[in-house]
Amino acid sequence: MNLYKSLISERTNSMKTLFKTLSLLSLILLASCQNADESSVEQLIQTGEEQAIREKRAALSQERNAIDATIDRLDQALAKMNTNTSLPLVAAIEARPALFDHYVSLQGTVKTLQNVFVYPEMPGILKSISVRKGQRVKKNDLLAVLDDGGLAAQFEQAKSQLALAKTVFERQERLWKQEIGSEIQYLQAKTNFESAQGAVSALEMQYNKSFVRAPFEGLVDQVFKEPGVFVSPGQGAELFRIVNLDEVYVEVDVPESHVATVKKGTKALVYLDALAKKVEAEVSERSNVINPSNRSFKIEVALPNKDGAIKPNLTATVQLNDYSKEQAILVMQSIVSENADGQQYCFVLRQEGDSYFAERRIVQTGKTQGDFIEVLDGIKPGELLITEGARKVTDGQQVQYINQ
């Protein structure tokens, strides 16, 4: 009996060895056939015989169809072995409340309140310029000097006359208090003194116009004239442009539909593409008037600019926070669909024992932000939202859940 088992075992091993050898030979033969076939196809193409090429293609197509039919039979056999493979695969995420900040994006322009042209206040020859382009100046710093046309001499003479009139008046006043002299002499001295004061003040004001001074602290952005030219007040006679870049703001036209949500203090994100810079700020001023021509109102968003990098007239993208919610349900817009009645819906997973089913939920949606949309009604916190495979399932269909 043991000898019989031994013979059977040896025969079985021999058969296995033979099978392996035949399999290996088959693979080698198949590979060689494929190589030979590829070689023959290449030779056939080089002959250029159309009929032969068509016949070869038809033969290969028949072989491919036979292989496809065999693969289909194998797939069917595998499907019978594992029933789960026939169920659609889906992935899902848990719906969790989160902070939702919605922003409306608008275009604006950087401006500054202190950006002015400096003009001469009197006609005359520009004698000298005391500053250069890019220089920082303080308020009342001397920028330029004009030829005063003799006002300096008149001013000095008027001050001398004022000093004399003051002396005469003071003496006459003392005599009058001592009841010496007439009242006419006292009044005349007083009038002469007051008249001299007025003349000095007028000449001083006129003389000071020959000195061009900075109206505020800032930078000399442009110098328009050269010494020696004749200048006079009026359009086209600009001497300097002075700007203060410490305090700039973005001016934005906001559509009237946001008049109830965009207010002073509203959070704003300012993107300055030219500087690759993002600034977190807030609305500093808001107009109370709607422009009838474009149905919008103006706002200002103040920006810190101590380094002076932000320049007037730069374009900016301003995102205004017009809506916020602390506990919002957000879902990806890609998983929300719309039915024939115009209702929006998405699919959630319903578990029954060890099985999962797709359940269609009609939802009410709100505002969108990027790839997400807020669900106002229809989804509860903690429910599983189908994300992948949502387009391939139907309401109530059993699915295979891939727990990610």
Protein backbone atom coordinates (compact mmCIF):
# COMPACT_ATOMS: atom_id res chain seq x y z
CA MET A 1 0.00 0.00 0.00
CA ASN A 2 2.78 2.42 0.89
CA LEU A 3 4.55 1.48 -2.33
CA TYR A 4 1.37 2.28 -4.28
CA LYS A 5 1.08 5.70 -2.62
CA SER A 6 4.73 6.35 -3.35
CA LEU A 7 4.26 5.49 -7.03
CA ILE A 8 1.18 7.73 -7.21
CA SER A 9 3.09 10.61 -5.55
CA GLU A 10 6.03 10.22 -7.92
CA ARG A 11 3.69 10.15 -10.89
CA THR A 12 1.91 13.28 -9.64
CA ASN A 13 5.21 15.12 -9.18
CA SER A 14 6.32 14.04 -12.63
CA MET A 15 3.07 15.38 -14.08
CA LYS A 16 3.54 18.70 -12.30
CA THR A 17 7.09 18.95 -13.59
CA LEU A 18 5.94 18.10 -17.08
CA PHE A 19 3.14 20.70 -16.85
CA LYS A 20 5.55 23.40 -15.74
CA THR A 21 7.95 22.47 -18.53
CA LEU A 22 5.19 22.56 -21.13
CA SER A 23 3.94 25.93 -19.77
CA LEU A 24 7.42 27.40 -19.99
CA LEU A 25 7.84 26.03 -23.52
CA SER A 26 4.44 27.48 -24.45
CA LEU A 27 5.43 30.93 -23.20
CA ILE A 28 8.71 30.73 -25.09
CA LEU A 29 6.89 29.56 -28.19
CA LEU A 30 4.27 32.33 -27.82
CA ALA A 31 6.93 34.98 -27.42
CA SER A 32 8.83 33.67 -30.43
CA CYS A 33 5.61 33.55 -32.40
CA GLN A 34 4.81 37.12 -31.44
CA ASN A 35 8.28 38.22 -32.47
CA ALA A 36 8.00 36.28 -35.70
CA ASP A 37 4.52 37.67 -36.28
CA GLU A 38 5.72 41.24 -35.67
CA SER A 39 8.61 40.58 -38.06
CA SER A 40 6.26 39.21 -40.69
CA VAL A 41 3.88 42.19 -40.25
CA GLU A 42 6.78 44.59 -40.70
CA GLN A 43 7.87 42.72 -43.86
CA LEU A 44 4.28 42.72 -45.13
CA ILE A 45 3.99 46.49 -44.65
CA GLN A 46 7.23 47.01 -46.54
CA THR A 47 5.86 45.07 -49.54
CA GLY A 48 3.11 47.65 -49.93
CA GLU A 49 0.55 45.05 -51.11
CA GLU A 50 -2.80 46.46 -50.03
CA GLN A 51 -4.82 43.24 -50.39
CA ALA A 52 -2.35 41.23 -48.30
CA ILE A 53 -2.26 43.90 -45.60
CA ARG A 54 -6.08 43.96 -45.44
CA GLU A 55 -6.24 40.16 -45.12
CA LYS A 56 -3.65 40.23 -42.29
CA ARG A 57 -5.61 42.92 -40.46
CA ALA A 58 -8.85 40.92 -40.75
CA ALA A 59 -7.13 37.85 -39.31
CA LEU A 60 -5.72 39.79 -36.36
CA SER A 61 -9.15 41.36 -35.70
CA GLN A 62 -10.70 37.88 -35.47
CA GLU A 63 -8.01 36.84 -33.00
CA ARG A 64 -8.64 39.98 -30.92
CA ASN A 65 -12.41 39.33 -30.87
CA ALA A 66 -11.78 35.79 -29.70
CA ILE A 67 -9.52 37.06 -26.89
CA ASP A 68 -12.11 39.68 -25.84
CA ALA A 69 -14.81 37.01 -25.70
CA THR A 70 -12.58 34.85 -23.49
CA ILE A 71 -11.91 37.79 -21.14
CA ASP A 72 -15.67 38.48 -20.86
CA ARG A 73 -16.28 34.84 -19.86
CA LEU A 74 -13.57 35.11 -17.21
CA ASP A 75 -15.10 38.37 -15.87
CA GLN A 76 -18.50 36.73 -15.61
CA ALA A 77 -17.01 33.82 -13.69
CA LEU A 78 -15.29 36.23 -11.29
CA ALA A 79 -18.53 38.16 -10.80
CA LYS A 80 -20.32 34.96 -9.74
CA MET A 81 -17.56 34.19 -7.24
CA ASN A 82 -17.79 37.65 -5.56
CA THR A 83 -21.20 39.34 -5.62
CA ASN A 84 -19.80 42.58 -4.12
CA THR A 85 -17.94 43.40 -7.33
CA SER A 86 -21.29 44.14 -9.01
CA LEU A 87 -22.03 46.94 -6.48
CA PRO A 88 -20.92 50.48 -7.34
CA LEU A 89 -17.98 51.71 -5.27
CA VAL A 90 -18.48 54.98 -3.38
CA ALA A 91 -16.47 57.12 -0.98
CA ALA A 92 -17.98 59.49 1.56
CA ILE A 93 -17.09 62.15 4.10
CA GLU A 94 -18.82 63.18 7.31
CA ALA A 95 -20.78 66.43 7.27
CA ARG A 96 -19.26 68.66 9.96
CA PRO A 97 -20.27 72.23 10.86
CA ALA A 98 -17.55 74.81 10.23
CA LEU A 99 -17.05 78.58 10.08
CA PHE A 100 -18.15 79.96 6.72
CA ASP A 101 -16.93 83.38 5.57
CA HIS A 102 -18.29 84.51 2.23
CA TYR A 103 -16.50 87.21 0.26
CA VAL A 104 -17.50 89.31 -2.73
CA SER A 105 -14.58 90.19 -5.00
CA LEU A 106 -14.32 93.70 -6.50
CA GLN A 107 -11.69 95.87 -8.19
CA GLY A 108 -10.37 99.09 -6.66
CA THR A 109 -7.69 101.75 -7.01
CA VAL A 110 -5.12 102.87 -4.45
CA LYS A 111 -5.36 106.55 -3.53
CA THR A 112 -4.06 108.97 -0.93
CA LEU A 113 -5.65 112.08 0.54
CA GLN A 114 -2.32 113.89 0.55
CA ASN A 115 -1.34 113.89 -3.11
CA VAL A 116 -1.26 117.49 -4.37
CA PHE A 117 0.38 119.82 -6.86
CA VAL A 118 2.16 122.84 -5.38
CA TYR A 119 1.59 126.09 -7.33
CA PRO A 120 3.20 129.54 -6.96
CA GLU A 121 1.01 132.09 -5.19
CA MET A 122 2.43 135.09 -7.08
CA PRO A 123 3.97 135.71 -10.52
CA GLY A 124 7.72 136.02 -10.77
CA ILE A 125 11.02 134.48 -11.79
CA LEU A 126 11.84 131.16 -10.11
CA LYS A 127 15.11 132.06 -8.39
CA SER A 128 16.02 128.75 -6.71
CA ILE A 129 14.78 125.26 -5.85
CA SER A 130 15.71 123.85 -2.45
CA VAL A 131 14.62 120.19 -2.85
CA ARG A 132 15.11 117.29 -5.26
CA LYS A 133 12.86 114.52 -6.50
CA GLY A 134 12.37 111.76 -3.93
CA GLN A 135 13.38 113.95 -0.98
CA ARG A 136 11.29 113.73 2.18
CA VAL A 137 10.10 117.07 3.54
CA LYS A 138 8.24 118.26 6.60
CA LYS A 139 5.34 120.64 6.72
CA ASN A 140 6.41 124.26 5.94
CA ASP A 141 9.86 123.21 4.70
CA LEU A 142 11.17 125.60 2.03
CA LEU A 143 10.77 124.20 -1.49
CA ALA A 144 11.60 127.15 -3.74
CA VAL A 145 12.10 130.95 -3.81
CA LEU A 146 10.60 133.41 -6.32
CA ASP A 147 11.90 136.85 -7.24
CA ASP A 148 9.86 139.14 -4.96
CA GLY A 149 10.05 142.17 -7.27
CA GLY A 150 11.27 144.52 -4.54
CA LEU A 151 8.83 143.36 -1.88
CA ALA A 152 11.68 142.62 0.52
CA ALA A 153 12.80 146.26 0.48
CA GLN A 154 9.23 147.51 0.87
CA PHE A 155 8.70 145.14 3.74
CA GLU A 156 11.82 146.36 5.56
CA GLN A 157 10.79 150.00 5.02
CA ALA A 158 7.31 149.29 6.33
CA LYS A 159 8.78 147.65 9.45
CA SER A 160 10.91 150.76 10.06
CA GLN A 161 7.86 153.00 9.69
CA LEU A 162 5.97 150.74 12.07
CA ALA A 163 8.72 151.04 14.66
CA LEU A 164 8.62 154.85 14.40
CA ALA A 165 4.82 154.97 14.57
CA LYS A 166 4.90 152.71 17.60
CA THR A 167 7.39 154.97 19.41
CA VAL A 168 5.38 158.10 18.66
CA PHE A 169 2.16 156.45 19.76
CA GLU A 170 3.62 155.17 23.04
CA ARG A 171 4.98 158.61 23.91
CA GLN A 172 1.79 160.36 22.94
CA GLU A 173 -0.17 157.85 25.02
CA ARG A 174 1.91 158.59 28.12
CA LEU A 175 1.43 162.34 27.62
CA TRP A 176 -2.28 161.85 27.16
CA LYS A 177 -2.52 159.91 30.40
CA GLN A 178 -0.70 162.80 32.10
CA GLU A 179 -3.24 165.16 30.51
CA ILE A 180 -0.52 166.74 28.42
CA GLY A 181 -1.21 167.49 24.78
CA SER A 182 -4.45 167.34 22.84
CA GLU A 183 -6.72 164.42 22.16
CA ILE A 184 -6.26 164.96 18.42
CA GLN A 185 -2.54 164.34 18.72
CA TYR A 186 -3.14 161.13 20.66
CA LEU A 187 -5.72 159.83 18.20
CA GLN A 188 -3.59 160.72 15.21
CA ALA A 189 -0.59 158.86 16.68
CA LYS A 190 -2.77 155.85 17.40
CA THR A 191 -4.18 155.86 13.86
CA ASN A 192 -0.71 156.12 12.33
CA PHE A 193 0.48 153.20 14.44
CA GLU A 194 -2.48 150.96 13.51
CA SER A 195 -2.13 151.91 9.84
CA ALA A 196 1.57 150.99 9.93
CA GLN A 197 0.70 147.65 11.52
CA GLY A 198 -1.77 146.89 8.72
CA ALA A 199 0.75 147.87 6.05
CA VAL A 200 3.41 145.59 7.53
CA SER A 201 0.97 142.68 7.78
CA ALA A 202 -0.12 143.10 4.15
CA LEU A 203 3.44 143.38 2.86
CA GLU A 204 4.56 140.43 5.00
CA MET A 205 1.77 138.28 3.56
CA GLN A 206 2.67 139.29 0.03
CA TYR A 207 6.40 138.90 0.63
CA ASN A 208 5.92 135.41 2.12
CA LYS A 209 4.29 134.31 -1.13
CA SER A 210 7.70 134.46 -2.75
CA PHE A 211 8.68 131.46 -0.58
CA VAL A 212 7.11 128.16 -1.71
CA ARG A 213 6.71 125.80 1.25
CA ALA A 214 5.56 122.19 1.74
CA PRO A 215 1.85 121.96 2.63
CA PHE A 216 2.37 118.73 4.64
CA GLU A 217 4.94 116.09 5.44
CA GLY A 218 5.65 113.77 2.54
CA LEU A 219 7.84 113.00 -0.45
CA VAL A 220 8.68 115.25 -3.39
CA ASP A 221 7.31 113.04 -6.16
CA GLN A 222 7.95 115.44 -9.08
CA VAL A 223 9.85 118.67 -9.75
CA PHE A 224 8.32 120.32 -12.82
CA LYS A 225 10.23 123.61 -13.25
CA GLU A 226 13.84 124.77 -13.44
CA PRO A 227 15.30 127.95 -11.88
CA GLY A 228 15.17 130.98 -14.17
CA VAL A 229 11.72 130.43 -15.68
CA PHE A 230 8.82 132.80 -15.19
CA VAL A 231 5.89 131.30 -13.30
CA SER A 232 2.47 132.52 -12.27
CA PRO A 233 -0.51 131.06 -10.41
CA GLY A 234 -2.90 128.89 -12.43
CA GLN A 235 -3.26 125.69 -14.42
CA GLY A 236 -0.01 124.49 -15.99
CA ALA A 237 2.20 126.30 -13.48
CA GLU A 238 2.77 123.30 -11.18
CA LEU A 239 6.11 123.47 -9.41
CA PHE A 240 6.06 120.23 -7.40
CA ARG A 241 3.97 117.19 -6.62
CA ILE A 242 4.02 116.27 -2.91
CA VAL A 243 2.63 112.93 -1.74
CA ASN A 244 2.29 111.34 1.65
CA LEU A 245 2.41 107.54 1.33
CA ASP A 246 2.18 106.79 5.05
CA GLU A 247 -1.61 106.65 4.81
CA VAL A 248 -3.15 105.24 1.64
CA TYR A 249 -6.51 103.63 0.92
CA VAL A 250 -8.26 101.60 -1.75
CA GLU A 251 -11.37 103.15 -3.27
CA VAL A 252 -13.97 100.63 -4.48
CA ASP A 253 -17.35 100.96 -6.20
CA VAL A 254 -19.68 98.44 -4.52
CA PRO A 255 -22.97 97.39 -6.22
CA GLU A 256 -26.06 98.63 -4.39
CA SER A 257 -27.17 95.01 -3.77
CA HIS A 258 -24.54 94.90 -0.99
CA VAL A 259 -25.59 98.12 0.72
CA ALA A 260 -27.05 96.20 3.69
CA THR A 261 -24.03 93.92 4.22
CA VAL A 262 -20.98 96.12 3.49
CA LYS A 263 -20.54 98.69 6.24
CA LYS A 264 -17.82 100.62 8.02
CA GLY A 265 -15.70 98.02 9.83
CA THR A 266 -16.49 95.18 7.39
CA LYS A 267 -13.54 92.80 7.06
CA ALA A 268 -11.61 93.13 3.78
CA LEU A 269 -8.77 91.24 2.10
CA VAL A 270 -6.76 93.39 -0.30
CA TYR A 271 -4.61 91.75 -2.99
CA LEU A 272 -1.98 93.92 -4.70
CA ASP A 273 -0.89 91.73 -7.60
CA ALA A 274 1.85 94.11 -8.77
CA LEU A 275 3.54 93.80 -5.36
CA ALA A 276 2.55 90.15 -4.76
CA LYS A 277 1.13 91.41 -1.47
CA LYS A 278 -1.94 90.56 0.60
CA VAL A 279 -3.22 92.93 3.30
CA GLU A 280 -5.90 92.19 5.89
CA ALA A 281 -7.86 95.39 6.55
CA GLU A 282 -11.39 96.70 7.02
CA VAL A 283 -13.71 99.25 5.48
CA SER A 284 -12.72 102.64 6.92
CA GLU A 285 -15.29 104.83 5.15
CA ARG A 286 -18.57 104.20 3.32
CA SER A 287 -20.62 106.59 1.22
CA ASN A 288 -24.31 106.96 2.03
CA VAL A 289 -25.20 107.98 -1.54
CA ILE A 290 -25.95 105.60 -4.43
CA ASN A 291 -24.48 106.73 -7.74
CA PRO A 292 -27.45 106.72 -10.17
CA SER A 293 -25.22 106.20 -13.23
CA ASN A 294 -23.82 102.80 -12.16
CA ARG A 295 -26.03 101.94 -9.14
CA SER A 296 -23.10 101.66 -6.74
CA PHE A 297 -21.69 103.31 -3.65
CA LYS A 298 -18.08 104.06 -2.76
CA ILE A 299 -16.09 102.63 0.11
CA GLU A 300 -12.54 103.21 1.32
CA VAL A 301 -10.29 100.53 2.78
CA ALA A 302 -7.37 102.09 4.70
CA LEU A 303 -3.99 100.39 4.24
CA PRO A 304 -0.86 100.69 6.40
CA ASN A 305 2.10 101.78 4.28
CA LYS A 306 5.01 102.73 6.49
CA ASP A 307 7.56 101.40 4.00
CA GLY A 308 5.98 103.38 1.15
CA ALA A 309 5.76 100.31 -1.12
CA ILE A 310 2.08 100.87 -1.98
CA LYS A 311 1.82 103.60 -4.60
CA PRO A 312 -1.19 105.70 -5.60
CA ASN A 313 -3.16 104.49 -8.66
CA LEU A 314 -2.16 100.84 -8.18
CA THR A 315 -5.00 98.46 -9.00
CA ALA A 316 -6.16 96.14 -6.22
CA THR A 317 -8.55 93.23 -5.82
CA VAL A 318 -10.66 93.70 -2.70
CA GLN A 319 -12.61 90.82 -1.15
CA LEU A 320 -15.33 92.04 1.20
CA ASN A 321 -16.75 89.74 3.88
CA ASP A 322 -20.47 90.22 3.21
CA TYR A 323 -21.70 87.06 5.02
CA SER A 324 -20.47 84.84 7.88
CA LYS A 325 -21.89 81.85 9.76
CA GLU A 326 -20.28 80.09 12.72
CA GLN A 327 -21.81 76.59 12.24
CA ALA A 328 -22.34 76.03 8.52
CA ILE A 329 -22.60 72.76 6.58
CA LEU A 330 -20.31 73.04 3.55
CA VAL A 331 -20.20 70.53 0.69
CA MET A 332 -18.29 70.40 -2.57
CA GLN A 333 -20.25 71.89 -5.45
CA SER A 334 -19.30 68.90 -7.61
CA ILE A 335 -21.53 66.51 -5.62
CA VAL A 336 -24.64 68.69 -5.82
CA SER A 337 -26.92 67.94 -8.80
CA GLU A 338 -30.25 69.29 -10.03
CA ASN A 339 -33.34 67.31 -11.04
CA ALA A 340 -35.89 68.04 -13.75
CA ASP A 341 -37.95 70.15 -11.35
CA GLY A 342 -35.02 72.43 -10.63
CA GLN A 343 -34.45 71.01 -7.14
CA GLN A 344 -30.90 70.49 -5.94
CA TYR A 345 -29.91 67.20 -4.36
CA CYS A 346 -26.97 65.09 -3.21
CA PHE A 347 -26.56 61.52 -1.96
CA VAL A 348 -25.94 60.35 1.60
CA LEU A 349 -25.07 56.86 2.87
CA ARG A 350 -27.71 54.93 4.82
CA GLN A 351 -26.45 51.90 6.73
CA GLU A 352 -28.60 48.84 7.36
CA GLY A 353 -26.63 46.20 9.26
CA ASP A 354 -23.48 45.54 7.24
CA SER A 355 -24.96 46.95 4.03
CA TYR A 356 -24.93 50.51 2.71
CA PHE A 357 -27.47 52.23 0.48
CA ALA A 358 -27.45 55.53 -1.41
CA GLU A 359 -30.21 57.93 -0.38
CA ARG A 360 -31.02 61.02 -2.42
CA ARG A 361 -31.62 64.19 -0.38
CA ILE A 362 -33.25 67.35 -1.65
CA VAL A 363 -31.21 70.23 -0.25
CA GLN A 364 -31.56 73.98 0.03
CA THR A 365 -28.29 75.74 -0.74
CA GLY A 366 -26.97 79.20 0.04
CA LYS A 367 -23.84 81.09 -0.95
CA THR A 368 -20.81 79.57 -2.65
CA GLN A 369 -17.13 80.18 -1.92
CA GLY A 370 -14.50 78.59 -4.14
CA ASP A 371 -15.32 74.89 -4.62
CA PHE A 372 -17.79 74.75 -1.71
CA ILE A 373 -21.44 75.64 -1.26
CA GLU A 374 -23.39 76.09 1.98
CA VAL A 375 -26.27 73.66 2.61
CA LEU A 376 -29.01 75.45 4.53
CA ASP A 377 -31.40 72.50 4.84
CA GLY A 378 -31.48 68.79 3.97
CA ILE A 379 -28.22 67.58 5.54
CA LYS A 380 -27.62 66.99 9.24
CA PRO A 381 -24.24 67.09 11.00
CA GLY A 382 -22.65 63.64 11.21
CA GLU A 383 -24.28 62.21 8.07
CA LEU A 384 -22.05 60.65 5.41
CA LEU A 385 -22.05 62.51 2.11
CA ILE A 386 -21.15 60.47 -0.99
CA THR A 387 -18.27 62.25 -2.72
CA GLU A 388 -16.82 59.76 -5.20
CA GLY A 389 -19.27 57.72 -7.26
CA ALA A 390 -22.21 60.05 -6.57
CA ARG A 391 -22.93 60.40 -10.30
CA LYS A 392 -23.20 56.61 -10.77
CA VAL A 393 -25.77 55.72 -8.08
CA THR A 394 -29.54 55.96 -7.86
CA ASP A 395 -31.87 56.52 -4.92
CA GLY A 396 -32.06 53.42 -2.71
CA GLN A 397 -29.34 51.53 -4.57
CA GLN A 398 -27.05 49.27 -2.54
CA VAL A 399 -23.42 50.36 -2.76
CA GLN A 400 -20.01 49.21 -1.65
CA TYR A 401 -18.60 51.81 0.77
CA ILE A 402 -14.87 52.48 0.71
CA ASN A 403 -14.14 53.89 4.16
CA GLN A 404 -11.40 56.49 3.66
